[in-house]
PDB file of N, CA and C in Angstrom:
ATOM      1  N   UNK A   1       0.829  -1.183   0.000  1.00  0.00           N
ATOM      2  CA  UNK A   1       0.000   0.000   0.000  1.00  0.00           C
ATOM      3  C   UNK A   1       0.878   1.252   0.000  1.00  0.00           C
ATOM      4  N   UNK A   2       0.475   2.248  -0.761  1.00  0.00           N
ATOM      5  CA  UNK A   2       1.225   3.504  -0.832  1.00  0.00           C
ATOM      6  C   UNK A   2       1.052   4.289   0.471  1.00  0.00           C
ATOM      7  N   UNK A   3       2.086   5.061   0.842  1.00  0.00           N
ATOM      8  CA  UNK A   3       1.994   5.879   2.055  1.00  0.00           C
ATOM      9  C   UNK A   3       1.108   7.112   1.829  1.00  0.00           C
ATOM     10  N   UNK A   4       0.950   7.901   2.889  1.00  0.00           N
ATOM     11  CA  UNK A   4       0.182   9.141   2.830  1.00  0.00           C
ATOM     12  C   UNK A   4       1.109  10.308   3.135  1.00  0.00           C
ATOM     13  N   UNK A   5       0.660  11.532   2.831  1.00  0.00           N
ATOM     14  CA  UNK A   5       1.519  12.699   3.016  1.00  0.00           C
ATOM     15  C   UNK A   5       0.703  13.917   3.451  1.00  0.00           C
ATOM     16  N   UNK A   6       1.318  14.706   4.319  1.00  0.00           N
ATOM     17  CA  UNK A   6       0.767  15.988   4.747  1.00  0.00           C
ATOM     18  C   UNK A   6       1.601  17.100   4.130  1.00  0.00           C
ATOM     19  N   UNK A   7       0.936  18.115   3.593  1.00  0.00           N
ATOM     20  CA  UNK A   7       1.622  19.322   3.136  1.00  0.00           C
ATOM     21  C   UNK A   7       1.264  20.457   4.077  1.00  0.00           C
ATOM     22  N   UNK A   8       2.283  21.099   4.596  1.00  0.00           N
ATOM     23  CA  UNK A   8       2.117  22.321   5.366  1.00  0.00           C
ATOM     24  C   UNK A   8       2.350  23.454   4.380  1.00  0.00           C
ATOM     25  N   UNK A   9       1.352  24.310   4.199  1.00  0.00           N
ATOM     26  CA  UNK A   9       1.478  25.409   3.247  1.00  0.00           C
ATOM     27  C   UNK A   9       1.235  26.736   3.974  1.00  0.00           C
ATOM     28  N   UNK A  10       2.319  27.426   4.358  1.00  0.00           N
ATOM     29  CA  UNK A  10       2.169  28.732   4.984  1.00  0.00           C
ATOM     30  C   UNK A  10       1.966  29.808   3.916  1.00  0.00           C
ATOM     31  N   UNK A  11       1.132  30.792   4.226  1.00  0.00           N
ATOM     32  CA  UNK A  11       0.858  31.851   3.253  1.00  0.00           C
ATOM     33  C   UNK A  11       0.673  33.184   3.955  1.00  0.00           C
ATOM     34  N   UNK A  12       1.318  34.191   3.430  1.00  0.00           N
ATOM     35  CA  UNK A  12       1.160  35.562   3.891  1.00  0.00           C
ATOM     36  C   UNK A  12       0.928  36.421   2.660  1.00  0.00           C
ATOM     37  N   UNK A  13      -0.282  36.933   2.527  1.00  0.00           N
ATOM     38  CA  UNK A  13      -0.654  37.781   1.390  1.00  0.00           C
ATOM     39  C   UNK A  13      -0.378  37.088   0.046  1.00  0.00           C
ATOM     40  N   UNK A  14      -0.905  35.893  -0.099  1.00  0.00           N
ATOM     41  CA  UNK A  14      -0.706  35.089  -1.311  1.00  0.00           C
ATOM     42  C   UNK A  14      -2.019  34.786  -2.017  1.00  0.00           C
ATOM     43  N   UNK A  15      -2.950  35.733  -2.025  1.00  0.00           N
ATOM     44  CA  UNK A  15      -4.253  35.477  -2.624  1.00  0.00           C
ATOM     45  C   UNK A  15      -4.148  35.089  -4.101  1.00  0.00           C
ATOM     46  N   UNK A  16      -3.139  35.562  -4.797  1.00  0.00           N
ATOM     47  CA  UNK A  16      -2.988  35.249  -6.225  1.00  0.00           C
ATOM     48  C   UNK A  16      -2.265  33.928  -6.464  1.00  0.00           C
ATOM     49  N   UNK A  17      -1.642  33.373  -5.432  1.00  0.00           N
ATOM     50  CA  UNK A  17      -0.786  32.204  -5.621  1.00  0.00           C
ATOM     51  C   UNK A  17      -1.213  30.958  -4.853  1.00  0.00           C
ATOM     52  N   UNK A  18      -2.039  31.111  -3.826  1.00  0.00           N
ATOM     53  CA  UNK A  18      -2.335  29.998  -2.929  1.00  0.00           C
ATOM     54  C   UNK A  18      -3.013  28.830  -3.632  1.00  0.00           C
ATOM     55  N   UNK A  19      -4.010  29.103  -4.442  1.00  0.00           N
ATOM     56  CA  UNK A  19      -4.704  28.019  -5.142  1.00  0.00           C
ATOM     57  C   UNK A  19      -3.742  27.258  -6.050  1.00  0.00           C
ATOM     58  N   UNK A  20      -2.858  27.960  -6.727  1.00  0.00           N
ATOM     59  CA  UNK A  20      -1.863  27.307  -7.581  1.00  0.00           C
ATOM     60  C   UNK A  20      -0.935  26.406  -6.794  1.00  0.00           C
ATOM     61  N   UNK A  21      -0.534  26.843  -5.606  1.00  0.00           N
ATOM     62  CA  UNK A  21       0.335  26.022  -4.762  1.00  0.00           C
ATOM     63  C   UNK A  21      -0.381  24.743  -4.342  1.00  0.00           C
ATOM     64  N   UNK A  22      -1.658  24.873  -3.981  1.00  0.00           N
ATOM     65  CA  UNK A  22      -2.454  23.704  -3.584  1.00  0.00           C
ATOM     66  C   UNK A  22      -2.634  22.766  -4.772  1.00  0.00           C
ATOM     67  N   UNK A  23      -2.977  23.313  -5.924  1.00  0.00           N
ATOM     68  CA  UNK A  23      -3.184  22.487  -7.118  1.00  0.00           C
ATOM     69  C   UNK A  23      -1.908  21.763  -7.530  1.00  0.00           C
ATOM     70  N   UNK A  24      -0.770  22.446  -7.444  1.00  0.00           N
ATOM     71  CA  UNK A  24       0.514  21.814  -7.778  1.00  0.00           C
ATOM     72  C   UNK A  24       0.814  20.645  -6.853  1.00  0.00           C
ATOM     73  N   UNK A  25       0.582  20.850  -5.563  1.00  0.00           N
ATOM     74  CA  UNK A  25       0.824  19.767  -4.613  1.00  0.00           C
ATOM     75  C   UNK A  25      -0.083  18.581  -4.909  1.00  0.00           C
ATOM     76  N   UNK A  26      -1.374  18.836  -5.086  1.00  0.00           N
ATOM     77  CA  UNK A  26      -2.305  17.729  -5.362  1.00  0.00           C
ATOM     78  C   UNK A  26      -1.912  16.975  -6.626  1.00  0.00           C
ATOM     79  N   UNK A  27      -1.509  17.691  -7.651  1.00  0.00           N
ATOM     80  CA  UNK A  27      -1.091  17.038  -8.890  1.00  0.00           C
ATOM     81  C   UNK A  27       0.176  16.225  -8.726  1.00  0.00           C
ATOM     82  N   UNK A  28       1.073  16.702  -7.878  1.00  0.00           N
ATOM     83  CA  UNK A  28       2.369  16.043  -7.694  1.00  0.00           C
ATOM     84  C   UNK A  28       2.273  14.759  -6.890  1.00  0.00           C
ATOM     85  N   UNK A  29       1.323  14.659  -5.975  1.00  0.00           N
ATOM     86  CA  UNK A  29       1.313  13.519  -5.057  1.00  0.00           C
ATOM     87  C   UNK A  29       0.407  12.370  -5.477  1.00  0.00           C
ATOM     88  N   UNK A  30      -0.475  12.586  -6.420  1.00  0.00           N
ATOM     89  CA  UNK A  30      -1.470  11.557  -6.748  1.00  0.00           C
ATOM     90  C   UNK A  30      -0.841  10.239  -7.205  1.00  0.00           C
ATOM     91  N   UNK A  31       0.318  10.304  -7.818  1.00  0.00           N
ATOM     92  CA  UNK A  31       0.976   9.100  -8.342  1.00  0.00           C
ATOM     93  C   UNK A  31       1.682   8.286  -7.259  1.00  0.00           C
ATOM     94  N   UNK A  32       2.175   8.951  -6.214  1.00  0.00           N
ATOM     95  CA  UNK A  32       3.033   8.299  -5.227  1.00  0.00           C
ATOM     96  C   UNK A  32       2.382   8.009  -3.876  1.00  0.00           C
ATOM     97  N   UNK A  33       1.209   8.592  -3.627  1.00  0.00           N
ATOM     98  CA  UNK A  33       0.603   8.484  -2.306  1.00  0.00           C
ATOM     99  C   UNK A  33      -0.856   8.062  -2.388  1.00  0.00           C
ATOM    100  N   UNK A  34      -1.289   7.314  -1.394  1.00  0.00           N
ATOM    101  CA  UNK A  34      -2.682   6.851  -1.371  1.00  0.00           C
ATOM    102  C   UNK A  34      -3.620   7.902  -0.792  1.00  0.00           C
ATOM    103  N   UNK A  35      -3.080   8.872  -0.087  1.00  0.00           N
ATOM    104  CA  UNK A  35      -3.888   9.930   0.487  1.00  0.00           C
ATOM    105  C   UNK A  35      -3.027  11.101   0.896  1.00  0.00           C
ATOM    106  N   UNK A  36      -3.669  12.225   1.084  1.00  0.00           N
ATOM    107  CA  UNK A  36      -2.948  13.434   1.476  1.00  0.00           C
ATOM    108  C   UNK A  36      -3.832  14.298   2.360  1.00  0.00           C
ATOM    109  N   UNK A  37      -3.187  15.213   3.047  1.00  0.00           N
ATOM    110  CA  UNK A  37      -3.886  16.302   3.712  1.00  0.00           C
ATOM    111  C   UNK A  37      -3.051  17.551   3.495  1.00  0.00           C
ATOM    112  N   UNK A  38      -3.722  18.672   3.464  1.00  0.00           N
ATOM    113  CA  UNK A  38      -3.057  19.955   3.308  1.00  0.00           C
ATOM    114  C   UNK A  38      -3.484  20.831   4.480  1.00  0.00           C
ATOM    115  N   UNK A  39      -2.486  21.368   5.166  1.00  0.00           N
ATOM    116  CA  UNK A  39      -2.762  22.298   6.253  1.00  0.00           C
ATOM    117  C   UNK A  39      -2.307  23.670   5.783  1.00  0.00           C
ATOM    118  N   UNK A  40      -3.281  24.539   5.503  1.00  0.00           N
ATOM    119  CA  UNK A  40      -3.010  25.893   5.037  1.00  0.00           C
ATOM    120  C   UNK A  40      -2.930  26.830   6.239  1.00  0.00           C
ATOM    121  N   UNK A  41      -1.861  27.576   6.333  1.00  0.00           N
ATOM    122  CA  UNK A  41      -1.717  28.574   7.383  1.00  0.00           C
ATOM    123  C   UNK A  41      -1.817  29.963   6.766  1.00  0.00           C
ATOM    124  N   UNK A  42      -2.883  30.681   7.086  1.00  0.00           N
ATOM    125  CA  UNK A  42      -2.979  32.094   6.736  1.00  0.00           C
ATOM    126  C   UNK A  42      -2.318  32.845   7.881  1.00  0.00           C
ATOM    127  N   UNK A  43      -1.155  33.397   7.620  1.00  0.00           N
ATOM    128  CA  UNK A  43      -0.355  34.014   8.680  1.00  0.00           C
ATOM    129  C   UNK A  43      -0.720  35.486   8.853  1.00  0.00           C
ATOM    130  N   UNK A  44      -2.016  35.724   9.112  1.00  0.00           N
ATOM    131  CA  UNK A  44      -2.539  37.069   9.378  1.00  0.00           C
ATOM    132  C   UNK A  44      -2.402  37.970   8.141  1.00  0.00           C
ATOM    133  N   UNK A  45      -2.782  37.451   7.000  1.00  0.00           N
ATOM    134  CA  UNK A  45      -2.701  38.199   5.746  1.00  0.00           C
ATOM    135  C   UNK A  45      -3.649  39.388   5.751  1.00  0.00           C
ATOM    136  N   UNK A  46      -3.269  40.423   5.007  1.00  0.00           N
ATOM    137  CA  UNK A  46      -4.114  41.610   4.891  1.00  0.00           C
ATOM    138  C   UNK A  46      -4.887  41.628   3.572  1.00  0.00           C
ATOM    139  N   UNK A  47      -4.717  40.594   2.761  1.00  0.00           N
ATOM    140  CA  UNK A  47      -5.459  40.498   1.502  1.00  0.00           C
ATOM    141  C   UNK A  47      -6.490  39.369   1.617  1.00  0.00           C
ATOM    142  N   UNK A  48      -6.872  38.757   0.525  1.00  0.00           N
ATOM    143  CA  UNK A  48      -7.894  37.716   0.528  1.00  0.00           C
ATOM    144  C   UNK A  48      -7.381  36.299   0.733  1.00  0.00           C
ATOM    145  N   UNK A  49      -6.157  36.147   1.192  1.00  0.00           N
ATOM    146  CA  UNK A  49      -5.578  34.814   1.392  1.00  0.00           C
ATOM    147  C   UNK A  49      -6.431  33.947   2.308  1.00  0.00           C
ATOM    148  N   UNK A  50      -6.889  34.500   3.409  1.00  0.00           N
ATOM    149  CA  UNK A  50      -7.690  33.730   4.366  1.00  0.00           C
ATOM    150  C   UNK A  50      -8.985  33.231   3.754  1.00  0.00           C
ATOM    151  N   UNK A  51      -9.651  34.075   2.987  1.00  0.00           N
ATOM    152  CA  UNK A  51     -10.906  33.678   2.333  1.00  0.00           C
ATOM    153  C   UNK A  51     -10.656  32.582   1.315  1.00  0.00           C
ATOM    154  N   UNK A  52      -9.565  32.676   0.580  1.00  0.00           N
ATOM    155  CA  UNK A  52      -9.232  31.640  -0.404  1.00  0.00           C
ATOM    156  C   UNK A  52      -8.915  30.329   0.310  1.00  0.00           C
ATOM    157  N   UNK A  53      -8.190  30.408   1.412  1.00  0.00           N
ATOM    158  CA  UNK A  53      -7.894  29.197   2.194  1.00  0.00           C
ATOM    159  C   UNK A  53      -9.196  28.537   2.647  1.00  0.00           C
ATOM    160  N   UNK A  54     -10.147  29.341   3.110  1.00  0.00           N
ATOM    161  CA  UNK A  54     -11.440  28.800   3.539  1.00  0.00           C
ATOM    162  C   UNK A  54     -12.198  28.150   2.383  1.00  0.00           C
ATOM    163  N   UNK A  55     -12.171  28.774   1.214  1.00  0.00           N
ATOM    164  CA  UNK A  55     -12.838  28.194   0.034  1.00  0.00           C
ATOM    165  C   UNK A  55     -12.197  26.867  -0.361  1.00  0.00           C
ATOM    166  N   UNK A  56     -10.885  26.815  -0.335  1.00  0.00           N
ATOM    167  CA  UNK A  56     -10.183  25.571  -0.671  1.00  0.00           C
ATOM    168  C   UNK A  56     -10.538  24.475   0.328  1.00  0.00           C
ATOM    169  N   UNK A  57     -10.576  24.817   1.602  1.00  0.00           N
ATOM    170  CA  UNK A  57     -10.917  23.832   2.643  1.00  0.00           C
ATOM    171  C   UNK A  57     -12.363  23.366   2.496  1.00  0.00           C
ATOM    172  N   UNK A  58     -13.252  24.268   2.126  1.00  0.00           N
ATOM    173  CA  UNK A  58     -14.665  23.906   1.962  1.00  0.00           C
ATOM    174  C   UNK A  58     -14.873  22.995   0.756  1.00  0.00           C
ATOM    175  N   UNK A  59     -13.979  23.075  -0.222  1.00  0.00           N
ATOM    176  CA  UNK A  59     -14.142  22.282  -1.444  1.00  0.00           C
ATOM    177  C   UNK A  59     -13.425  20.936  -1.395  1.00  0.00           C
ATOM    178  N   UNK A  60     -12.622  20.690  -0.362  1.00  0.00           N
ATOM    179  CA  UNK A  60     -11.828  19.457  -0.289  1.00  0.00           C
ATOM    180  C   UNK A  60     -11.668  19.060   1.177  1.00  0.00           C
ATOM    181  N   UNK A  61     -12.222  17.939   1.556  1.00  0.00           N
ATOM    182  CA  UNK A  61     -12.144  17.468   2.944  1.00  0.00           C
ATOM    183  C   UNK A  61     -10.718  17.173   3.411  1.00  0.00           C
ATOM    184  N   UNK A  62      -9.772  17.124   2.483  1.00  0.00           N
ATOM    185  CA  UNK A  62      -8.371  16.872   2.821  1.00  0.00           C
ATOM    186  C   UNK A  62      -7.615  18.149   3.177  1.00  0.00           C
ATOM    187  N   UNK A  63      -8.309  19.286   3.143  1.00  0.00           N
ATOM    188  CA  UNK A  63      -7.661  20.574   3.390  1.00  0.00           C
ATOM    189  C   UNK A  63      -8.225  21.211   4.653  1.00  0.00           C
ATOM    190  N   UNK A  64      -7.296  21.711   5.504  1.00  0.00           N
ATOM    191  CA  UNK A  64      -7.687  22.477   6.685  1.00  0.00           C
ATOM    192  C   UNK A  64      -7.084  23.874   6.580  1.00  0.00           C
ATOM    193  N   UNK A  65      -7.866  24.874   6.927  1.00  0.00           N
ATOM    194  CA  UNK A  65      -7.375  26.250   6.938  1.00  0.00           C
ATOM    195  C   UNK A  65      -7.203  26.698   8.386  1.00  0.00           C
ATOM    196  N   UNK A  66      -6.016  27.153   8.707  1.00  0.00           N
ATOM    197  CA  UNK A  66      -5.694  27.668  10.029  1.00  0.00           C
ATOM    198  C   UNK A  66      -5.433  29.166   9.865  1.00  0.00           C
ATOM    199  N   UNK A  67      -6.057  29.981  10.708  1.00  0.00           N
ATOM    200  CA  UNK A  67      -5.878  31.433  10.633  1.00  0.00           C
ATOM    201  C   UNK A  67      -5.163  31.913  11.892  1.00  0.00           C
ATOM    202  N   UNK A  68      -3.918  32.330  11.725  1.00  0.00           N
ATOM    203  CA  UNK A  68      -3.164  32.867  12.852  1.00  0.00           C
ATOM    204  C   UNK A  68      -3.703  34.258  13.199  1.00  0.00           C
ATOM    205  N   UNK A  69      -3.876  34.526  14.483  1.00  0.00           N
ATOM    206  CA  UNK A  69      -4.396  35.823  14.926  1.00  0.00           C
ATOM    207  C   UNK A  69      -3.362  36.930  14.802  1.00  0.00           C
ATOM    208  N   UNK A  70      -2.095  36.552  14.791  1.00  0.00           N
ATOM    209  CA  UNK A  70      -1.019  37.501  14.526  1.00  0.00           C
ATOM    210  C   UNK A  70       0.039  36.768  13.709  1.00  0.00           C
ATOM    211  N   UNK A  71       0.920  37.520  13.074  1.00  0.00           N
ATOM    212  CA  UNK A  71       1.958  36.884  12.262  1.00  0.00           C
ATOM    213  C   UNK A  71       2.886  36.082  13.141  1.00  0.00           C
ATOM    214  N   UNK A  72       3.022  34.802  12.768  1.00  0.00           N
ATOM    215  CA  UNK A  72       3.829  33.891  13.565  1.00  0.00           C
ATOM    216  C   UNK A  72       5.100  33.467  12.846  1.00  0.00           C
ATOM    217  N   UNK A  73       5.154  33.592  11.537  1.00  0.00           N
ATOM    218  CA  UNK A  73       6.349  33.251  10.782  1.00  0.00           C
ATOM    219  C   UNK A  73       6.417  31.788  10.374  1.00  0.00           C
ATOM    220  N   UNK A  74       7.369  31.498   9.505  1.00  0.00           N
ATOM    221  CA  UNK A  74       7.513  30.155   8.933  1.00  0.00           C
ATOM    222  C   UNK A  74       7.812  29.096   9.988  1.00  0.00           C
ATOM    223  N   UNK A  75       8.697  29.412  10.925  1.00  0.00           N
ATOM    224  CA  UNK A  75       9.068  28.417  11.936  1.00  0.00           C
ATOM    225  C   UNK A  75       7.868  27.949  12.739  1.00  0.00           C
ATOM    226  N   UNK A  76       7.069  28.882  13.208  1.00  0.00           N
ATOM    227  CA  UNK A  76       5.865  28.514  13.965  1.00  0.00           C
ATOM    228  C   UNK A  76       4.932  27.670  13.104  1.00  0.00           C
ATOM    229  N   UNK A  77       4.674  28.129  11.892  1.00  0.00           N
ATOM    230  CA  UNK A  77       3.751  27.404  11.019  1.00  0.00           C
ATOM    231  C   UNK A  77       4.250  25.991  10.733  1.00  0.00           C
ATOM    232  N   UNK A  78       5.542  25.848  10.544  1.00  0.00           N
ATOM    233  CA  UNK A  78       6.114  24.529  10.295  1.00  0.00           C
ATOM    234  C   UNK A  78       5.921  23.613  11.503  1.00  0.00           C
ATOM    235  N   UNK A  79       6.321  24.088  12.686  1.00  0.00           N
ATOM    236  CA  UNK A  79       6.222  23.236  13.870  1.00  0.00           C
ATOM    237  C   UNK A  79       4.777  22.971  14.280  1.00  0.00           C
ATOM    238  N   UNK A  80       3.903  23.944  14.109  1.00  0.00           N
ATOM    239  CA  UNK A  80       2.486  23.724  14.388  1.00  0.00           C
ATOM    240  C   UNK A  80       1.916  22.727  13.375  1.00  0.00           C
ATOM    241  N   UNK A  81       2.337  22.825  12.139  1.00  0.00           N
ATOM    242  CA  UNK A  81       1.907  21.872  11.110  1.00  0.00           C
ATOM    243  C   UNK A  81       2.347  20.455  11.436  1.00  0.00           C
ATOM    244  N   UNK A  82       3.578  20.306  11.917  1.00  0.00           N
ATOM    245  CA  UNK A  82       4.059  18.980  12.329  1.00  0.00           C
ATOM    246  C   UNK A  82       3.187  18.424  13.445  1.00  0.00           C
ATOM    247  N   UNK A  83       2.807  19.285  14.366  1.00  0.00           N
ATOM    248  CA  UNK A  83       1.966  18.885  15.488  1.00  0.00           C
ATOM    249  C   UNK A  83       0.587  18.408  15.011  1.00  0.00           C
ATOM    250  N   UNK A  84       0.059  19.058  13.982  1.00  0.00           N
ATOM    251  CA  UNK A  84      -1.287  18.753  13.477  1.00  0.00           C
ATOM    252  C   UNK A  84      -1.311  17.646  12.423  1.00  0.00           C
ATOM    253  N   UNK A  85      -0.167  17.350  11.825  1.00  0.00           N
ATOM    254  CA  UNK A  85      -0.093  16.382  10.730  1.00  0.00           C
ATOM    255  C   UNK A  85      -0.520  14.987  11.179  1.00  0.00           C
ATOM    256  N   UNK A  86      -1.234  14.287  10.301  1.00  0.00           N
ATOM    257  CA  UNK A  86      -1.713  12.939  10.626  1.00  0.00           C
ATOM    258  C   UNK A  86      -1.245  11.884   9.624  1.00  0.00           C
ATOM    259  N   UNK A  87      -0.480  12.258   8.631  1.00  0.00           N
ATOM    260  CA  UNK A  87      -0.087  11.319   7.579  1.00  0.00           C
ATOM    261  C   UNK A  87       1.332  10.788   7.799  1.00  0.00           C
ATOM    262  N   UNK A  88       1.749   9.856   6.952  1.00  0.00           N
ATOM    263  CA  UNK A  88       3.044   9.189   7.092  1.00  0.00           C
ATOM    264  C   UNK A  88       4.237  10.126   6.884  1.00  0.00           C
ATOM    265  N   UNK A  89       4.140  10.984   5.906  1.00  0.00           N
ATOM    266  CA  UNK A  89       5.215  11.911   5.562  1.00  0.00           C
ATOM    267  C   UNK A  89       4.698  13.333   5.660  1.00  0.00           C
ATOM    268  N   UNK A  90       5.638  14.282   5.842  1.00  0.00           N
ATOM    269  CA  UNK A  90       5.286  15.699   5.924  1.00  0.00           C
ATOM    270  C   UNK A  90       6.250  16.486   5.037  1.00  0.00           C
ATOM    271  N   UNK A  91       5.701  17.449   4.321  1.00  0.00           N
ATOM    272  CA  UNK A  91       6.493  18.350   3.497  1.00  0.00           C
ATOM    273  C   UNK A  91       5.946  19.754   3.687  1.00  0.00           C
ATOM    274  N   UNK A  92       6.822  20.753   3.615  1.00  0.00           N
ATOM    275  CA  UNK A  92       6.351  22.131   3.620  1.00  0.00           C
ATOM    276  C   UNK A  92       6.518  22.686   2.212  1.00  0.00           C
ATOM    277  N   UNK A  93       5.442  23.272   1.702  1.00  0.00           N
ATOM    278  CA  UNK A  93       5.424  23.846   0.364  1.00  0.00           C
ATOM    279  C   UNK A  93       5.038  25.314   0.511  1.00  0.00           C
ATOM    280  N   UNK A  94       5.802  26.240  -0.054  1.00  0.00           N
ATOM    281  CA  UNK A  94       5.471  27.647   0.115  1.00  0.00           C
ATOM    282  C   UNK A  94       4.158  28.026  -0.578  1.00  0.00           C
ATOM    283  N   UNK A  95       3.410  28.894   0.072  1.00  0.00           N
ATOM    284  CA  UNK A  95       2.125  29.332  -0.460  1.00  0.00           C
ATOM    285  C   UNK A  95       2.235  30.266  -1.642  1.00  0.00           C
ATOM    286  N   UNK A  96       3.449  30.692  -1.975  1.00  0.00           N
ATOM    287  CA  UNK A  96       3.603  31.599  -3.114  1.00  0.00           C
ATOM    288  C   UNK A  96       3.720  30.857  -4.442  1.00  0.00           C
ATOM    289  N   UNK A  97       3.586  29.529  -4.398  1.00  0.00           N
ATOM    290  CA  UNK A  97       3.596  28.699  -5.611  1.00  0.00           C
ATOM    291  C   UNK A  97       4.900  28.831  -6.400  1.00  0.00           C
ATOM    292  N   UNK A  98       6.006  29.004  -5.698  1.00  0.00           N
ATOM    293  CA  UNK A  98       7.290  29.177  -6.371  1.00  0.00           C
ATOM    294  C   UNK A  98       7.917  27.859  -6.822  1.00  0.00           C
ATOM    295  N   UNK A  99       7.430  26.737  -6.303  1.00  0.00           N
ATOM    296  CA  UNK A  99       7.992  25.441  -6.690  1.00  0.00           C
ATOM    297  C   UNK A  99       7.053  24.795  -7.704  1.00  0.00           C
ATOM    298  N   UNK A 100       7.577  24.509  -8.870  1.00  0.00           N
ATOM    299  CA  UNK A 100       6.765  23.926  -9.939  1.00  0.00           C
ATOM    300  C   UNK A 100       6.322  22.512  -9.573  1.00  0.00           C
ATOM    301  N   UNK A 101       5.171  22.124 -10.093  1.00  0.00           N
ATOM    302  CA  UNK A 101       4.609  20.804  -9.801  1.00  0.00           C
ATOM    303  C   UNK A 101       5.601  19.685 -10.111  1.00  0.00           C
ATOM    304  N   UNK A 102       6.314  19.800 -11.196  1.00  0.00           N
ATOM    305  CA  UNK A 102       7.275  18.758 -11.577  1.00  0.00           C
ATOM    306  C   UNK A 102       8.382  18.630 -10.523  1.00  0.00           C
ATOM    307  N   UNK A 103       8.809  19.738  -9.956  1.00  0.00           N
ATOM    308  CA  UNK A 103       9.830  19.702  -8.908  1.00  0.00           C
ATOM    309  C   UNK A 103       9.281  19.051  -7.643  1.00  0.00           C
ATOM    310  N   UNK A 104       8.038  19.368  -7.284  1.00  0.00           N
ATOM    311  CA  UNK A 104       7.418  18.736  -6.115  1.00  0.00           C
ATOM    312  C   UNK A 104       7.304  17.233  -6.359  1.00  0.00           C
ATOM    313  N   UNK A 105       6.943  16.841  -7.584  1.00  0.00           N
ATOM    314  CA  UNK A 105       6.861  15.414  -7.937  1.00  0.00           C
ATOM    315  C   UNK A 105       8.193  14.717  -7.689  1.00  0.00           C
ATOM    316  N   UNK A 106       9.268  15.341  -8.124  1.00  0.00           N
ATOM    317  CA  UNK A 106      10.595  14.741  -7.947  1.00  0.00           C
ATOM    318  C   UNK A 106      10.947  14.612  -6.475  1.00  0.00           C
ATOM    319  N   UNK A 107      10.602  15.614  -5.695  1.00  0.00           N
ATOM    320  CA  UNK A 107      10.896  15.575  -4.257  1.00  0.00           C
ATOM    321  C   UNK A 107      10.108  14.455  -3.585  1.00  0.00           C
ATOM    322  N   UNK A 108       8.793  14.415  -3.806  1.00  0.00           N
ATOM    323  CA  UNK A 108       7.976  13.425  -3.101  1.00  0.00           C
ATOM    324  C   UNK A 108       8.213  12.008  -3.605  1.00  0.00           C
ATOM    325  N   UNK A 109       8.735  11.857  -4.798  1.00  0.00           N
ATOM    326  CA  UNK A 109       9.020  10.508  -5.310  1.00  0.00           C
ATOM    327  C   UNK A 109      10.153   9.847  -4.526  1.00  0.00           C
ATOM    328  N   UNK A 110      10.917  10.634  -3.765  1.00  0.00           N
ATOM    329  CA  UNK A 110      12.022  10.098  -2.984  1.00  0.00           C
ATOM    330  C   UNK A 110      11.560   9.592  -1.610  1.00  0.00           C
ATOM    331  N   UNK A 111      10.318   9.799  -1.259  1.00  0.00           N
ATOM    332  CA  UNK A 111       9.828   9.358   0.050  1.00  0.00           C
ATOM    333  C   UNK A 111      10.011   7.845   0.197  1.00  0.00           C
ATOM    334  N   UNK A 112      10.508   7.444   1.346  1.00  0.00           N
ATOM    335  CA  UNK A 112      10.707   6.028   1.618  1.00  0.00           C
ATOM    336  C   UNK A 112      12.044   5.539   1.154  1.00  0.00           C
TER     337      UNK A 112
END
């Protein structure tokens, strides 16, 4: 049986990029994993990032949106994500969608 994976995706003012980051991750893992979860951290954004995170979570039961009440930074989001993760493997993917899907595929293919 294939393993499962959690993606921690921190985002600060990434309303234009967050959906792309989520879509890239989902596309990259379908071949190598039997299941996934995505933990989106809206790190107190001043744009529509939080609303987009909520829409993504409402459309996919594998996605959770966490809204920080104040900016906590990458380290906090990473360690809090590890605490909340329930899958076999964990990866952090930036919410700015800077890593192409093909690169994420190559990274996750090395799991195990």
